[in-house]
């Protein structure tokens, strides 16, 4: 036979013509199966499982109904928890009474004053203390310098913006809203000022804004336990809802129309909006404000830190309300 037909493994086929088919055995496999079901209709899809869980929560006794408006239903931060690590950071967090889920302690840890104080505070608060291998602590802290100590801080439970409109609260309503503030220490300082001068709450946007982290909680010096922080999906829409509820919205900006000493709306229900130190108020937020207020300063200073500016403004409002 010519060619390589005698080579071992060669394919030899003398039969010509069409090969035999499946005999109709695969006919069902070729039939159309219709449109692909929606994700929520597929039992193994995460969307279906989330819908089932949501239905169970909605039907359970005492379930809280969702509200319309700027922020949606009460929510938690996207991250499930936060890790605070390092001996100084852990001790300071425990001193500030930050909520803690678990305290991690490395096995065979060399004790010092900070470790002893952390263990004493955690024990007195009844916090779970887990002895953890250093390799596991490295993983939990993502390779950070933990020095054998770490805390797991639960995600902050935000209020709804409408929760801050409560006629049962004492005094004239006073809310502070943040527009573009990204430093958690500024948020902590603002919460502290709100508590000091009779404010009723703070509103932060979901996006491009600082959230309630352990650093913000610590800077608030315990005020975060008394002052609710609400989160909204759209700050402009939330401010409009507050205006409909009878609030005057004041924007704080260095190019204000009204100087703070000339403020005449202090006796009214107020929402004071604080812009970022660099960019100030965003355009849509500025257009939503009833007045733009500025703090008079000497020419030696261009602008104030957002936390300081908030404290000065809240003091002036409190002073005028006390007259």
C-alpha atoms as a PDB file:
ATOM      1  CA  UNK A   1       0.000   0.000   0.000  1.00  0.00           C
ATOM      2  CA  UNK A   2       1.519   3.380  -0.994  1.00  0.00           C
ATOM      3  CA  UNK A   3       2.479   6.087   1.471  1.00  0.00           C
ATOM      4  CA  UNK A   4       2.523   5.567   5.180  1.00  0.00           C
ATOM      5  CA  UNK A   5      -0.551   3.365   5.348  1.00  0.00           C
ATOM      6  CA  UNK A   6       1.512   0.556   6.841  1.00  0.00           C
ATOM      7  CA  UNK A   7       2.797   2.844   9.642  1.00  0.00           C
ATOM      8  CA  UNK A   8       1.649   1.753  13.054  1.00  0.00           C
ATOM      9  CA  UNK A   9      -1.271   3.844  14.176  1.00  0.00           C
ATOM     10  CA  UNK A  10      -2.232   5.027  10.709  1.00  0.00           C
ATOM     11  CA  UNK A  11      -5.951   5.438  10.023  1.00  0.00           C
ATOM     12  CA  UNK A  12      -7.106   3.244   7.189  1.00  0.00           C
ATOM     13  CA  UNK A  13     -10.611   3.629   5.892  1.00  0.00           C
ATOM     14  CA  UNK A  14     -11.731   2.449   2.522  1.00  0.00           C
ATOM     15  CA  UNK A  15     -15.424   3.234   3.026  1.00  0.00           C
ATOM     16  CA  UNK A  16     -16.565   6.296   1.138  1.00  0.00           C
ATOM     17  CA  UNK A  17     -19.712   8.357   1.371  1.00  0.00           C
ATOM     18  CA  UNK A  18     -21.451  10.025   4.308  1.00  0.00           C
ATOM     19  CA  UNK A  19     -20.904   8.619   7.765  1.00  0.00           C
ATOM     20  CA  UNK A  20     -23.833   7.393   9.806  1.00  0.00           C
ATOM     21  CA  UNK A  21     -25.630   9.875  12.069  1.00  0.00           C
ATOM     22  CA  UNK A  22     -26.875   9.584  15.618  1.00  0.00           C
ATOM     23  CA  UNK A  23     -30.111   7.999  14.573  1.00  0.00           C
ATOM     24  CA  UNK A  24     -32.118  10.776  16.207  1.00  0.00           C
ATOM     25  CA  UNK A  25     -30.704  10.025  19.646  1.00  0.00           C
ATOM     26  CA  UNK A  26     -29.575  13.640  20.141  1.00  0.00           C
ATOM     27  CA  UNK A  27     -32.731  15.243  18.775  1.00  0.00           C
ATOM     28  CA  UNK A  28     -33.828  16.445  22.210  1.00  0.00           C
ATOM     29  CA  UNK A  29     -30.457  18.089  22.739  1.00  0.00           C
ATOM     30  CA  UNK A  30     -31.028  20.227  19.654  1.00  0.00           C
ATOM     31  CA  UNK A  31     -34.466  21.416  20.685  1.00  0.00           C
ATOM     32  CA  UNK A  32     -34.807  25.057  21.928  1.00  0.00           C
ATOM     33  CA  UNK A  33     -35.111  25.395  25.688  1.00  0.00           C
ATOM     34  CA  UNK A  34     -36.685  28.858  25.791  1.00  0.00           C
ATOM     35  CA  UNK A  35     -35.375  32.097  27.272  1.00  0.00           C
ATOM     36  CA  UNK A  36     -32.788  32.000  30.062  1.00  0.00           C
ATOM     37  CA  UNK A  37     -34.538  32.417  33.446  1.00  0.00           C
ATOM     38  CA  UNK A  38     -33.889  35.590  35.400  1.00  0.00           C
ATOM     39  CA  UNK A  39     -31.171  35.450  38.059  1.00  0.00           C
ATOM     40  CA  UNK A  40     -33.687  35.648  40.910  1.00  0.00           C
ATOM     41  CA  UNK A  41     -35.542  32.637  39.456  1.00  0.00           C
ATOM     42  CA  UNK A  42     -32.475  30.363  39.441  1.00  0.00           C
ATOM     43  CA  UNK A  43     -32.354  28.583  42.789  1.00  0.00           C
ATOM     44  CA  UNK A  44     -28.562  28.318  42.901  1.00  0.00           C
ATOM     45  CA  UNK A  45     -27.882  31.932  41.890  1.00  0.00           C
ATOM     46  CA  UNK A  46     -26.819  34.402  44.673  1.00  0.00           C
ATOM     47  CA  UNK A  47     -29.569  36.813  43.570  1.00  0.00           C
ATOM     48  CA  UNK A  48     -32.220  34.176  44.311  1.00  0.00           C
ATOM     49  CA  UNK A  49     -30.728  33.472  47.737  1.00  0.00           C
ATOM     50  CA  UNK A  50     -30.593  37.193  48.568  1.00  0.00           C
ATOM     51  CA  UNK A  51     -34.238  37.596  47.507  1.00  0.00           C
ATOM     52  CA  UNK A  52     -35.274  34.707  49.745  1.00  0.00           C
ATOM     53  CA  UNK A  53     -33.380  36.160  52.706  1.00  0.00           C
ATOM     54  CA  UNK A  54     -34.933  39.584  52.089  1.00  0.00           C
ATOM     55  CA  UNK A  55     -38.424  38.098  51.960  1.00  0.00           C
ATOM     56  CA  UNK A  56     -37.835  36.290  55.245  1.00  0.00           C
ATOM     57  CA  UNK A  57     -36.622  39.481  56.930  1.00  0.00           C
ATOM     58  CA  UNK A  58     -39.603  41.438  55.611  1.00  0.00           C
ATOM     59  CA  UNK A  59     -42.071  38.834  56.854  1.00  0.00           C
ATOM     60  CA  UNK A  60     -40.474  38.337  60.262  1.00  0.00           C
ATOM     61  CA  UNK A  61     -42.158  39.947  63.315  1.00  0.00           C
ATOM     62  CA  UNK A  62     -40.750  43.385  64.131  1.00  0.00           C
ATOM     63  CA  UNK A  63     -39.187  43.826  60.704  1.00  0.00           C
ATOM     64  CA  UNK A  64     -38.456  47.472  60.020  1.00  0.00           C
ATOM     65  CA  UNK A  65     -40.060  48.790  56.812  1.00  0.00           C
ATOM     66  CA  UNK A  66     -37.947  50.557  54.211  1.00  0.00           C
ATOM     67  CA  UNK A  67     -38.444  54.284  53.868  1.00  0.00           C
ATOM     68  CA  UNK A  68     -38.438  56.519  50.881  1.00  0.00           C
ATOM     69  CA  UNK A  69     -36.183  59.533  50.667  1.00  0.00           C
ATOM     70  CA  UNK A  70     -32.483  60.249  50.416  1.00  0.00           C
ATOM     71  CA  UNK A  71     -30.961  57.230  52.073  1.00  0.00           C
ATOM     72  CA  UNK A  72     -32.990  54.006  51.820  1.00  0.00           C
ATOM     73  CA  UNK A  73     -33.356  51.554  54.702  1.00  0.00           C
ATOM     74  CA  UNK A  74     -30.902  51.510  57.622  1.00  0.00           C
ATOM     75  CA  UNK A  75     -27.704  49.915  56.415  1.00  0.00           C
ATOM     76  CA  UNK A  76     -24.283  48.858  57.505  1.00  0.00           C
ATOM     77  CA  UNK A  77     -20.960  49.635  55.933  1.00  0.00           C
ATOM     78  CA  UNK A  78     -20.011  47.490  52.959  1.00  0.00           C
ATOM     79  CA  UNK A  79     -17.175  45.882  54.874  1.00  0.00           C
ATOM     80  CA  UNK A  80     -18.294  43.355  57.454  1.00  0.00           C
ATOM     81  CA  UNK A  81     -15.719  44.500  60.026  1.00  0.00           C
ATOM     82  CA  UNK A  82     -12.523  46.464  60.577  1.00  0.00           C
ATOM     83  CA  UNK A  83      -9.236  45.379  62.134  1.00  0.00           C
ATOM     84  CA  UNK A  84      -7.333  47.647  64.542  1.00  0.00           C
ATOM     85  CA  UNK A  85      -3.821  46.400  65.271  1.00  0.00           C
ATOM     86  CA  UNK A  86      -0.651  47.443  67.069  1.00  0.00           C
ATOM     87  CA  UNK A  87      -0.271  47.833  70.841  1.00  0.00           C
ATOM     88  CA  UNK A  88      -0.766  51.601  71.000  1.00  0.00           C
ATOM     89  CA  UNK A  89      -3.724  51.576  68.612  1.00  0.00           C
ATOM     90  CA  UNK A  90      -5.411  48.703  70.449  1.00  0.00           C
ATOM     91  CA  UNK A  91      -5.009  50.351  73.870  1.00  0.00           C
ATOM     92  CA  UNK A  92      -6.294  53.720  72.587  1.00  0.00           C
ATOM     93  CA  UNK A  93      -9.278  52.045  70.920  1.00  0.00           C
ATOM     94  CA  UNK A  94     -10.175  50.214  74.123  1.00  0.00           C
ATOM     95  CA  UNK A  95      -9.781  53.403  76.183  1.00  0.00           C
ATOM     96  CA  UNK A  96     -12.182  55.167  73.792  1.00  0.00           C
ATOM     97  CA  UNK A  97     -14.726  52.397  74.388  1.00  0.00           C
ATOM     98  CA  UNK A  98     -14.918  51.525  70.684  1.00  0.00           C
ATOM     99  CA  UNK A  99     -17.280  48.569  70.069  1.00  0.00           C
ATOM    100  CA  UNK A 100     -15.203  45.403  69.698  1.00  0.00           C
ATOM    101  CA  UNK A 101     -16.219  41.924  68.554  1.00  0.00           C
ATOM    102  CA  UNK A 102     -13.005  40.025  69.337  1.00  0.00           C
ATOM    103  CA  UNK A 103      -9.540  40.706  70.716  1.00  0.00           C
ATOM    104  CA  UNK A 104      -6.702  38.673  69.202  1.00  0.00           C
ATOM    105  CA  UNK A 105      -3.561  38.021  71.256  1.00  0.00           C
ATOM    106  CA  UNK A 106      -0.505  36.265  69.825  1.00  0.00           C
ATOM    107  CA  UNK A 107       0.653  33.120  71.617  1.00  0.00           C
ATOM    108  CA  UNK A 108       3.735  33.484  73.861  1.00  0.00           C
ATOM    109  CA  UNK A 109       3.433  37.263  73.735  1.00  0.00           C
ATOM    110  CA  UNK A 110       6.041  39.306  75.605  1.00  0.00           C
ATOM    111  CA  UNK A 111       3.917  41.350  77.989  1.00  0.00           C
ATOM    112  CA  UNK A 112       4.419  45.047  78.734  1.00  0.00           C
ATOM    113  CA  UNK A 113       2.285  47.817  80.237  1.00  0.00           C
ATOM    114  CA  UNK A 114       0.248  48.241  77.044  1.00  0.00           C
ATOM    115  CA  UNK A 115      -0.509  44.532  76.749  1.00  0.00           C
ATOM    116  CA  UNK A 116      -1.487  44.312  80.423  1.00  0.00           C
ATOM    117  CA  UNK A 117      -3.763  47.361  80.127  1.00  0.00           C
ATOM    118  CA  UNK A 118      -5.395  46.011  76.951  1.00  0.00           C
ATOM    119  CA  UNK A 119      -6.078  42.661  78.611  1.00  0.00           C
ATOM    120  CA  UNK A 120      -7.417  44.357  81.741  1.00  0.00           C
ATOM    121  CA  UNK A 121      -9.854  46.576  79.784  1.00  0.00           C
ATOM    122  CA  UNK A 122     -10.963  43.719  77.528  1.00  0.00           C
ATOM    123  CA  UNK A 123     -11.564  41.461  80.526  1.00  0.00           C
ATOM    124  CA  UNK A 124     -13.524  44.122  82.395  1.00  0.00           C
ATOM    125  CA  UNK A 125     -15.732  44.658  79.319  1.00  0.00           C
ATOM    126  CA  UNK A 126     -16.252  40.932  78.885  1.00  0.00           C
ATOM    127  CA  UNK A 127     -14.769  40.898  75.378  1.00  0.00           C
ATOM    128  CA  UNK A 128     -13.874  37.558  73.759  1.00  0.00           C
ATOM    129  CA  UNK A 129     -10.068  37.135  73.855  1.00  0.00           C
ATOM    130  CA  UNK A 130      -8.549  34.630  71.428  1.00  0.00           C
ATOM    131  CA  UNK A 131      -4.970  33.394  71.612  1.00  0.00           C
ATOM    132  CA  UNK A 132      -3.925  33.323  67.966  1.00  0.00           C
ATOM    133  CA  UNK A 133      -0.780  32.040  66.165  1.00  0.00           C
ATOM    134  CA  UNK A 134       1.359  34.851  64.787  1.00  0.00           C
ATOM    135  CA  UNK A 135       0.930  33.540  61.258  1.00  0.00           C
ATOM    136  CA  UNK A 136      -2.839  33.865  61.588  1.00  0.00           C
ATOM    137  CA  UNK A 137      -2.450  37.384  63.021  1.00  0.00           C
ATOM    138  CA  UNK A 138      -0.295  38.274  60.010  1.00  0.00           C
ATOM    139  CA  UNK A 139      -3.124  37.099  57.765  1.00  0.00           C
ATOM    140  CA  UNK A 140      -5.840  38.920  59.730  1.00  0.00           C
ATOM    141  CA  UNK A 141      -3.905  42.207  59.663  1.00  0.00           C
ATOM    142  CA  UNK A 142      -2.821  41.751  56.045  1.00  0.00           C
ATOM    143  CA  UNK A 143       0.837  41.747  57.005  1.00  0.00           C
ATOM    144  CA  UNK A 144       0.639  44.824  59.231  1.00  0.00           C
ATOM    145  CA  UNK A 145       2.867  45.446  62.258  1.00  0.00           C
ATOM    146  CA  UNK A 146       0.442  44.103  64.848  1.00  0.00           C
ATOM    147  CA  UNK A 147       2.946  43.557  67.730  1.00  0.00           C
ATOM    148  CA  UNK A 148       0.868  40.611  68.860  1.00  0.00           C
ATOM    149  CA  UNK A 149      -2.418  42.517  69.433  1.00  0.00           C
ATOM    150  CA  UNK A 150      -5.435  43.155  67.216  1.00  0.00           C
ATOM    151  CA  UNK A 151      -9.114  44.031  67.587  1.00  0.00           C
ATOM    152  CA  UNK A 152     -12.021  43.160  65.324  1.00  0.00           C
ATOM    153  CA  UNK A 153     -14.402  46.118  65.180  1.00  0.00           C
ATOM    154  CA  UNK A 154     -17.932  45.460  63.846  1.00  0.00           C
ATOM    155  CA  UNK A 155     -19.273  47.473  60.936  1.00  0.00           C
ATOM    156  CA  UNK A 156     -21.038  50.629  62.084  1.00  0.00           C
ATOM    157  CA  UNK A 157     -24.857  50.548  62.029  1.00  0.00           C
ATOM    158  CA  UNK A 158     -25.932  53.811  60.368  1.00  0.00           C
ATOM    159  CA  UNK A 159     -29.179  55.596  61.101  1.00  0.00           C
ATOM    160  CA  UNK A 160     -31.590  56.722  58.392  1.00  0.00           C
ATOM    161  CA  UNK A 161     -31.555  60.488  57.611  1.00  0.00           C
ATOM    162  CA  UNK A 162     -35.211  60.773  58.615  1.00  0.00           C
ATOM    163  CA  UNK A 163     -34.362  59.325  62.042  1.00  0.00           C
ATOM    164  CA  UNK A 164     -32.680  62.647  62.831  1.00  0.00           C
ATOM    165  CA  UNK A 165     -36.003  64.472  62.412  1.00  0.00           C
ATOM    166  CA  UNK A 166     -37.386  63.568  65.801  1.00  0.00           C
ATOM    167  CA  UNK A 167     -39.762  65.965  67.570  1.00  0.00           C
ATOM    168  CA  UNK A 168     -39.031  64.184  70.854  1.00  0.00           C
ATOM    169  CA  UNK A 169     -35.424  65.414  70.847  1.00  0.00           C
ATOM    170  CA  UNK A 170     -34.795  68.379  73.157  1.00  0.00           C
ATOM    171  CA  UNK A 171     -33.960  71.799  71.745  1.00  0.00           C
ATOM    172  CA  UNK A 172     -34.231  73.262  68.261  1.00  0.00           C
ATOM    173  CA  UNK A 173     -33.243  70.672  65.611  1.00  0.00           C
ATOM    174  CA  UNK A 174     -29.633  70.948  64.454  1.00  0.00           C
ATOM    175  CA  UNK A 175     -28.014  68.554  61.962  1.00  0.00           C
ATOM    176  CA  UNK A 176     -24.595  68.622  60.316  1.00  0.00           C
ATOM    177  CA  UNK A 177     -24.147  67.154  56.822  1.00  0.00           C
ATOM    178  CA  UNK A 178     -20.762  66.454  55.235  1.00  0.00           C
ATOM    179  CA  UNK A 179     -20.007  67.060  51.567  1.00  0.00           C
ATOM    180  CA  UNK A 180     -16.733  65.549  50.378  1.00  0.00           C
ATOM    181  CA  UNK A 181     -15.095  65.078  53.802  1.00  0.00           C
ATOM    182  CA  UNK A 182     -12.724  62.109  53.517  1.00  0.00           C
ATOM    183  CA  UNK A 183     -10.594  62.264  56.689  1.00  0.00           C
ATOM    184  CA  UNK A 184     -12.022  60.078  59.498  1.00  0.00           C
ATOM    185  CA  UNK A 185     -10.382  62.317  62.110  1.00  0.00           C
ATOM    186  CA  UNK A 186     -12.400  65.264  60.796  1.00  0.00           C
ATOM    187  CA  UNK A 187     -15.563  63.190  61.095  1.00  0.00           C
ATOM    188  CA  UNK A 188     -14.685  62.255  64.684  1.00  0.00           C
ATOM    189  CA  UNK A 189     -13.980  65.877  65.592  1.00  0.00           C
ATOM    190  CA  UNK A 190     -17.258  67.010  63.992  1.00  0.00           C
ATOM    191  CA  UNK A 191     -19.251  64.397  65.922  1.00  0.00           C
ATOM    192  CA  UNK A 192     -17.588  65.631  69.102  1.00  0.00           C
ATOM    193  CA  UNK A 193     -18.546  69.251  68.326  1.00  0.00           C
ATOM    194  CA  UNK A 194     -22.131  68.241  67.482  1.00  0.00           C
ATOM    195  CA  UNK A 195     -22.403  66.569  70.883  1.00  0.00           C
ATOM    196  CA  UNK A 196     -20.816  69.534  72.666  1.00  0.00           C
ATOM    197  CA  UNK A 197     -23.136  72.188  71.169  1.00  0.00           C
ATOM    198  CA  UNK A 198     -26.495  70.416  71.256  1.00  0.00           C
ATOM    199  CA  UNK A 199     -26.654  68.962  67.751  1.00  0.00           C
ATOM    200  CA  UNK A 200     -28.887  66.013  66.925  1.00  0.00           C
ATOM    201  CA  UNK A 201     -26.905  64.052  64.343  1.00  0.00           C
ATOM    202  CA  UNK A 202     -24.530  63.886  61.388  1.00  0.00           C
ATOM    203  CA  UNK A 203     -25.245  62.859  57.788  1.00  0.00           C
ATOM    204  CA  UNK A 204     -22.600  61.398  55.470  1.00  0.00           C
ATOM    205  CA  UNK A 205     -23.011  60.297  51.834  1.00  0.00           C
ATOM    206  CA  UNK A 206     -22.346  56.694  50.837  1.00  0.00           C
ATOM    207  CA  UNK A 207     -19.838  57.571  48.096  1.00  0.00           C
ATOM    208  CA  UNK A 208     -16.765  59.805  48.037  1.00  0.00           C
ATOM    209  CA  UNK A 209     -17.076  60.431  51.749  1.00  0.00           C
ATOM    210  CA  UNK A 210     -15.600  59.260  55.010  1.00  0.00           C
ATOM    211  CA  UNK A 211     -17.431  56.578  56.973  1.00  0.00           C
ATOM    212  CA  UNK A 212     -17.551  55.651  60.643  1.00  0.00           C
ATOM    213  CA  UNK A 213     -14.226  53.872  61.067  1.00  0.00           C
ATOM    214  CA  UNK A 214     -12.405  53.030  64.282  1.00  0.00           C
ATOM    215  CA  UNK A 215     -10.280  56.160  63.774  1.00  0.00           C
ATOM    216  CA  UNK A 216     -13.378  58.368  63.552  1.00  0.00           C
ATOM    217  CA  UNK A 217     -14.864  56.706  66.615  1.00  0.00           C
ATOM    218  CA  UNK A 218     -11.649  57.211  68.583  1.00  0.00           C
ATOM    219  CA  UNK A 219     -11.340  60.896  67.596  1.00  0.00           C
ATOM    220  CA  UNK A 220     -14.908  61.523  68.717  1.00  0.00           C
ATOM    221  CA  UNK A 221     -13.773  60.737  72.293  1.00  0.00           C
ATOM    222  CA  UNK A 222     -16.905  58.733  73.040  1.00  0.00           C
ATOM    223  CA  UNK A 223     -19.370  61.181  71.444  1.00  0.00           C
ATOM    224  CA  UNK A 224     -20.092  58.654  68.672  1.00  0.00           C
ATOM    225  CA  UNK A 225     -21.912  56.549  71.254  1.00  0.00           C
ATOM    226  CA  UNK A 226     -24.410  59.401  71.806  1.00  0.00           C
ATOM    227  CA  UNK A 227     -24.700  61.140  68.428  1.00  0.00           C
ATOM    228  CA  UNK A 228     -26.298  59.153  65.572  1.00  0.00           C
ATOM    229  CA  UNK A 229     -24.606  59.160  62.182  1.00  0.00           C
ATOM    230  CA  UNK A 230     -26.910  58.674  59.194  1.00  0.00           C
ATOM    231  CA  UNK A 231     -25.854  57.600  55.718  1.00  0.00           C
ATOM    232  CA  UNK A 232     -27.596  58.714  52.526  1.00  0.00           C
ATOM    233  CA  UNK A 233     -27.294  57.638  48.908  1.00  0.00           C
ATOM    234  CA  UNK A 234     -27.743  61.171  47.539  1.00  0.00           C
ATOM    235  CA  UNK A 235     -26.874  64.198  49.664  1.00  0.00           C
ATOM    236  CA  UNK A 236     -28.680  66.747  47.485  1.00  0.00           C
ATOM    237  CA  UNK A 237     -31.925  64.761  47.603  1.00  0.00           C
ATOM    238  CA  UNK A 238     -31.573  64.315  51.366  1.00  0.00           C
ATOM    239  CA  UNK A 239     -31.116  68.069  51.857  1.00  0.00           C
ATOM    240  CA  UNK A 240     -34.241  68.686  49.790  1.00  0.00           C
ATOM    241  CA  UNK A 241     -36.151  66.276  52.034  1.00  0.00           C
ATOM    242  CA  UNK A 242     -34.955  68.196  55.098  1.00  0.00           C
ATOM    243  CA  UNK A 243     -36.133  71.452  53.536  1.00  0.00           C
ATOM    244  CA  UNK A 244     -39.577  69.925  52.979  1.00  0.00           C
ATOM    245  CA  UNK A 245     -39.571  68.963  56.666  1.00  0.00           C
ATOM    246  CA  UNK A 246     -39.106  72.624  57.638  1.00  0.00           C
ATOM    247  CA  UNK A 247     -35.308  72.895  57.956  1.00  0.00           C
ATOM    248  CA  UNK A 248     -33.178  75.729  56.641  1.00  0.00           C
ATOM    249  CA  UNK A 249     -30.050  74.437  54.888  1.00  0.00           C
ATOM    250  CA  UNK A 250     -26.898  76.500  55.471  1.00  0.00           C
ATOM    251  CA  UNK A 251     -23.740  75.815  53.505  1.00  0.00           C
ATOM    252  CA  UNK A 252     -20.395  76.690  55.096  1.00  0.00           C
ATOM    253  CA  UNK A 253     -17.948  78.159  52.586  1.00  0.00           C
ATOM    254  CA  UNK A 254     -15.227  80.807  52.575  1.00  0.00           C
ATOM    255  CA  UNK A 255     -17.066  82.690  49.791  1.00  0.00           C
ATOM    256  CA  UNK A 256     -20.335  82.933  51.672  1.00  0.00           C
ATOM    257  CA  UNK A 257     -23.132  85.440  51.170  1.00  0.00           C
ATOM    258  CA  UNK A 258     -23.582  85.904  54.926  1.00  0.00           C
ATOM    259  CA  UNK A 259     -20.886  86.323  57.549  1.00  0.00           C
ATOM    260  CA  UNK A 260     -21.295  84.042  60.569  1.00  0.00           C
ATOM    261  CA  UNK A 261     -21.714  86.946  63.047  1.00  0.00           C
ATOM    262  CA  UNK A 262     -24.600  88.200  60.891  1.00  0.00           C
ATOM    263  CA  UNK A 263     -26.453  84.872  60.855  1.00  0.00           C
ATOM    264  CA  UNK A 264     -30.165  85.445  61.556  1.00  0.00           C
ATOM    265  CA  UNK A 265     -31.443  81.891  61.168  1.00  0.00           C
ATOM    266  CA  UNK A 266     -29.894  80.428  64.321  1.00  0.00           C
ATOM    267  CA  UNK A 267     -33.302  80.095  66.011  1.00  0.00           C
ATOM    268  CA  UNK A 268     -34.650  77.954  63.156  1.00  0.00           C
ATOM    269  CA  UNK A 269     -34.317  74.210  62.552  1.00  0.00           C
ATOM    270  CA  UNK A 270     -30.977  73.968  60.732  1.00  0.00           C
ATOM    271  CA  UNK A 271     -28.919  71.648  58.576  1.00  0.00           C
ATOM    272  CA  UNK A 272     -25.349  72.922  58.332  1.00  0.00           C
ATOM    273  CA  UNK A 273     -23.432  71.510  55.357  1.00  0.00           C
ATOM    274  CA  UNK A 274     -19.644  71.306  55.599  1.00  0.00           C
ATOM    275  CA  UNK A 275     -17.630  71.100  52.382  1.00  0.00           C
ATOM    276  CA  UNK A 276     -14.136  69.717  51.916  1.00  0.00           C
ATOM    277  CA  UNK A 277     -11.201  71.906  52.865  1.00  0.00           C
ATOM    278  CA  UNK A 278      -9.848  71.987  49.313  1.00  0.00           C
ATOM    279  CA  UNK A 279     -12.893  71.969  47.010  1.00  0.00           C
ATOM    280  CA  UNK A 280     -15.540  73.379  49.307  1.00  0.00           C
ATOM    281  CA  UNK A 281     -19.194  72.646  48.573  1.00  0.00           C
ATOM    282  CA  UNK A 282     -20.105  70.767  45.414  1.00  0.00           C
ATOM    283  CA  UNK A 283     -22.196  72.679  42.863  1.00  0.00           C
ATOM    284  CA  UNK A 284     -25.509  70.847  43.356  1.00  0.00           C
ATOM    285  CA  UNK A 285     -25.236  70.976  47.129  1.00  0.00           C
ATOM    286  CA  UNK A 286     -24.426  74.687  47.005  1.00  0.00           C
ATOM    287  CA  UNK A 287     -27.481  75.357  44.841  1.00  0.00           C
ATOM    288  CA  UNK A 288     -29.674  73.470  47.332  1.00  0.00           C
ATOM    289  CA  UNK A 289     -28.609  75.626  50.298  1.00  0.00           C
ATOM    290  CA  UNK A 290     -30.819  78.486  51.500  1.00  0.00           C
ATOM    291  CA  UNK A 291     -27.772  80.508  52.548  1.00  0.00           C
ATOM    292  CA  UNK A 292     -24.006  80.237  52.191  1.00  0.00           C
ATOM    293  CA  UNK A 293     -22.253  81.291  55.404  1.00  0.00           C
ATOM    294  CA  UNK A 294     -18.585  82.228  55.799  1.00  0.00           C
ATOM    295  CA  UNK A 295     -16.378  82.530  58.878  1.00  0.00           C
ATOM    296  CA  UNK A 296     -14.488  85.848  59.007  1.00  0.00           C
ATOM    297  CA  UNK A 297     -10.736  85.312  59.345  1.00  0.00           C
ATOM    298  CA  UNK A 298      -7.569  87.353  59.192  1.00  0.00           C
ATOM    299  CA  UNK A 299      -5.634  87.422  55.934  1.00  0.00           C
ATOM    300  CA  UNK A 300      -2.906  85.279  57.517  1.00  0.00           C
ATOM    301  CA  UNK A 301      -5.094  82.161  57.223  1.00  0.00           C
ATOM    302  CA  UNK A 302      -6.693  81.006  53.968  1.00  0.00           C
ATOM    303  CA  UNK A 303      -9.050  78.377  55.356  1.00  0.00           C
ATOM    304  CA  UNK A 304      -9.866  76.350  58.462  1.00  0.00           C
ATOM    305  CA  UNK A 305      -9.787  72.625  58.959  1.00  0.00           C
ATOM    306  CA  UNK A 306     -13.297  71.182  58.434  1.00  0.00           C
ATOM    307  CA  UNK A 307     -13.509  69.990  62.027  1.00  0.00           C
ATOM    308  CA  UNK A 308     -12.463  73.368  63.440  1.00  0.00           C
ATOM    309  CA  UNK A 309     -14.781  75.294  61.115  1.00  0.00           C
ATOM    310  CA  UNK A 310     -17.696  73.120  62.223  1.00  0.00           C
ATOM    311  CA  UNK A 311     -16.899  73.705  65.890  1.00  0.00           C
ATOM    312  CA  UNK A 312     -16.751  77.496  65.404  1.00  0.00           C
ATOM    313  CA  UNK A 313     -20.068  77.534  63.533  1.00  0.00           C
ATOM    314  CA  UNK A 314     -21.869  75.299  66.028  1.00  0.00           C
ATOM    315  CA  UNK A 315     -20.602  77.443  68.906  1.00  0.00           C
ATOM    316  CA  UNK A 316     -22.018  80.585  67.300  1.00  0.00           C
ATOM    317  CA  UNK A 317     -25.380  78.888  66.671  1.00  0.00           C
ATOM    318  CA  UNK A 318     -25.502  77.645  70.286  1.00  0.00           C
ATOM    319  CA  UNK A 319     -24.567  81.098  71.600  1.00  0.00           C
ATOM    320  CA  UNK A 320     -27.338  82.793  69.612  1.00  0.00           C
ATOM    321  CA  UNK A 321     -29.886  80.206  70.669  1.00  0.00           C
ATOM    322  CA  UNK A 322     -29.011  80.811  74.322  1.00  0.00           C
ATOM    323  CA  UNK A 323     -29.753  84.557  74.065  1.00  0.00           C
END
